[in-house]
C-alpha atoms as a PDB file:
ATOM      1  CA  MET A   1      93.686-138.376  27.653  1.00  0.00           C
ATOM      2  CA  VAL A   2      93.887-136.438  24.938  1.00  0.00           C
ATOM      3  CA  GLU A   3      90.860-134.213  25.736  1.00  0.00           C
ATOM      4  CA  ILE A   4      93.358-133.544  28.910  1.00  0.00           C
ATOM      5  CA  GLY A   5      96.641-133.228  27.586  1.00  0.00           C
ATOM      6  CA  LYS A   6      94.818-130.171  25.454  1.00  0.00           C
ATOM      7  CA  LEU A   7      94.001-128.490  28.753  1.00  0.00           C
ATOM      8  CA  PRO A   8      96.095-125.054  28.918  1.00  0.00           C
ATOM      9  CA  VAL A   9      96.143-125.035  32.308  1.00  0.00           C
ATOM     10  CA  LEU A  10      96.727-128.664  33.627  1.00  0.00           C
ATOM     11  CA  GLY A  11      99.425-128.029  36.541  1.00  0.00           C
ATOM     12  CA  ASN A  12      98.625-131.637  38.741  1.00  0.00           C
ATOM     13  CA  LEU A  13      97.449-134.523  37.545  1.00  0.00           C
ATOM     14  CA  ASP A  14      96.701-137.287  39.858  1.00  0.00           C
ATOM     15  CA  LEU A  15      95.845-140.543  37.993  1.00  0.00           C
ATOM     16  CA  THR A  16      96.374-142.630  41.600  1.00  0.00           C
ATOM     17  CA  SER A  17      95.358-146.585  41.430  1.00  0.00           C
ATOM     18  CA  SER A  18      94.102-145.572  37.585  1.00  0.00           C
ATOM     19  CA  SER A  19      94.696-148.314  34.897  1.00  0.00           C
ATOM     20  CA  ALA A  20      95.514-145.298  32.759  1.00  0.00           C
ATOM     21  CA  GLY A  21      99.228-146.460  33.628  1.00  0.00           C
ATOM     22  CA  THR A  22      99.897-147.465  29.391  1.00  0.00           C
ATOM     23  CA  ALA A  23     101.975-145.703  27.186  1.00  0.00           C
ATOM     24  CA  ASN A  24      98.705-145.637  24.237  1.00  0.00           C
ATOM     25  CA  HIS A  25      97.048-143.574  27.661  1.00  0.00           C
ATOM     26  CA  LEU A  26      99.657-141.647  28.693  1.00  0.00           C
ATOM     27  CA  ALA A  27     101.213-140.244  25.359  1.00  0.00           C
ATOM     28  CA  PRO A  28      98.738-137.715  25.252  1.00  0.00           C
ATOM     29  CA  LEU A  29     100.200-135.911  28.138  1.00  0.00           C
ATOM     30  CA  ALA A  30     103.204-135.787  26.097  1.00  0.00           C
ATOM     31  CA  ALA A  31     101.593-132.464  24.064  1.00  0.00           C
ATOM     32  CA  SER A  32     101.012-130.993  27.581  1.00  0.00           C
ATOM     33  CA  ARG A  33     102.604-127.567  27.805  1.00  0.00           C
ATOM     34  CA  SER A  34     101.972-126.700  31.583  1.00  0.00           C
ATOM     35  CA  LEU A  35     101.562-130.462  33.328  1.00  0.00           C
ATOM     36  CA  ARG A  36     104.185-130.238  36.156  1.00  0.00           C
ATOM     37  CA  SER A  37     103.148-132.663  38.346  1.00  0.00           C
ATOM     38  CA  LEU A  38     102.284-136.260  38.159  1.00  0.00           C
ATOM     39  CA  ARG A  39     101.113-138.685  40.525  1.00  0.00           C
ATOM     40  CA  LEU A  40     100.642-142.280  39.440  1.00  0.00           C
ATOM     41  CA  VAL A  41     101.052-144.102  42.760  1.00  0.00           C
ATOM     42  CA  TRP A  42      99.543-147.758  42.793  1.00  0.00           C
ATOM     43  CA  CYS A  43      99.648-148.085  38.911  1.00  0.00           C
ATOM     44  CA  ARG A  44     101.074-151.343  38.895  1.00  0.00           C
ATOM     45  CA  GLN A  45     101.068-151.995  35.070  1.00  0.00           C
ATOM     46  CA  LEU A  46     103.087-148.898  34.931  1.00  0.00           C
ATOM     47  CA  ASP A  47     106.195-149.698  32.448  1.00  0.00           C
ATOM     48  CA  ALA A  48     109.065-147.762  31.023  1.00  0.00           C
ATOM     49  CA  ALA A  49     107.383-147.520  27.406  1.00  0.00           C
ATOM     50  CA  ALA A  50     104.577-145.690  29.856  1.00  0.00           C
ATOM     51  CA  LEU A  51     107.110-143.691  31.231  1.00  0.00           C
ATOM     52  CA  LYS A  52     108.712-142.880  28.038  1.00  0.00           C
ATOM     53  CA  ALA A  53     105.456-141.900  26.410  1.00  0.00           C
ATOM     54  CA  LEU A  54     105.587-139.097  29.141  1.00  0.00           C
ATOM     55  CA  VAL A  55     108.557-137.702  27.206  1.00  0.00           C
ATOM     56  CA  GLY A  56     107.774-133.738  26.282  1.00  0.00           C
ATOM     57  CA  ALA A  57     105.751-133.099  29.199  1.00  0.00           C
ATOM     58  CA  PRO A  58     107.296-130.373  31.058  1.00  0.00           C
ATOM     59  CA  LEU A  59     107.374-132.466  34.641  1.00  0.00           C
ATOM     60  CA  GLN A  60     108.675-131.302  37.805  1.00  0.00           C
ATOM     61  CA  GLU A  61     107.324-133.958  40.037  1.00  0.00           C
ATOM     62  CA  LEU A  62     107.326-137.684  39.434  1.00  0.00           C
ATOM     63  CA  ASP A  63     105.710-139.759  41.572  1.00  0.00           C
ATOM     64  CA  LEU A  64     105.881-143.169  41.124  1.00  0.00           C
ATOM     65  CA  TYR A  65     105.211-144.794  44.481  1.00  0.00           C
ATOM     66  CA  GLY A  66     104.281-148.123  44.330  1.00  0.00           C
ATOM     67  CA  THR A  67     104.377-149.441  40.878  1.00  0.00           C
ATOM     68  CA  ASN A  68     107.094-151.765  39.458  1.00  0.00           C
ATOM     69  CA  LEU A  69     109.316-149.743  37.709  1.00  0.00           C
ATOM     70  CA  LYS A  70     112.708-150.329  38.422  1.00  0.00           C
ATOM     71  CA  PRO A  71     114.860-147.338  39.656  1.00  0.00           C
ATOM     72  CA  ASP A  72     117.727-147.889  37.134  1.00  0.00           C
ATOM     73  CA  GLU A  73     115.029-147.583  34.029  1.00  0.00           C
ATOM     74  CA  VAL A  74     113.438-144.400  35.790  1.00  0.00           C
ATOM     75  CA  LYS A  75     116.848-142.825  36.534  1.00  0.00           C
ATOM     76  CA  GLU A  76     117.533-142.839  32.640  1.00  0.00           C
ATOM     77  CA  ILE A  77     114.296-141.859  31.387  1.00  0.00           C
ATOM     78  CA  ALA A  78     113.993-139.101  33.626  1.00  0.00           C
ATOM     79  CA  LYS A  79     116.643-137.325  31.672  1.00  0.00           C
ATOM     80  CA  ALA A  80     114.392-135.980  29.489  1.00  0.00           C
ATOM     81  CA  TRP A  81     113.233-133.972  32.862  1.00  0.00           C
ATOM     82  CA  PRO A  82     115.911-131.824  33.889  1.00  0.00           C
ATOM     83  CA  GLY A  83     115.173-130.583  37.686  1.00  0.00           C
ATOM     84  CA  CYS A  84     112.455-133.293  38.106  1.00  0.00           C
ATOM     85  CA  SER A  85     111.764-134.357  41.724  1.00  0.00           C
ATOM     86  CA  VAL A  86     111.280-138.097  41.502  1.00  0.00           C
ATOM     87  CA  LYS A  87     109.230-140.250  44.122  1.00  0.00           C
ATOM     88  CA  MET A  88     110.796-143.735  42.958  1.00  0.00           C
ATOM     89  CA  SER A  89     108.442-146.607  44.125  1.00  0.00           C
ATOM     90  CA  ASP A  90     109.907-147.436  46.977  1.00  0.00           C
ATOM     91  CA  GLY A  91     109.900-143.978  48.387  1.00  0.00           C
ATOM     92  CA  GLN A  92     113.276-143.147  47.670  1.00  0.00           C
ATOM     93  CA  ARG A  93     113.333-139.599  46.035  1.00  0.00           C
ATOM     94  CA  HIS A  94     115.793-138.829  43.328  1.00  0.00           C
ATOM     95  CA  LEU A  95     116.427-135.087  41.610  1.00  0.00           C
ATOM     96  CA  VAL A  96     117.403-135.303  38.251  1.00  0.00           C
ATOM     97  CA  PRO A  97     120.252-133.288  37.412  1.00  0.00           C
ATOM     98  CA  ARG A  98     120.032-130.151  35.313  1.00  0.00           C
END
């Protein structure tokens, strides 16, 4: 993930069903200045700490479908990404206020 986070034109990353859903795995992506869209679909081990580790990345879309994250947790953390469209674990959409 360290090398992926350094890619200068990393716009979209799909980690669907991967085991890379921990804070240690995701933290290097926070350094990315180009990551706009991240899919963490069916990453069951994903928790609030892992999501917080992404703060710093300029996300505009975040897909958390099928994860175990609670909507209230996600909405609080997602405030770090104003204008971001978040697909919650249950498929509902949340647009983070600007």
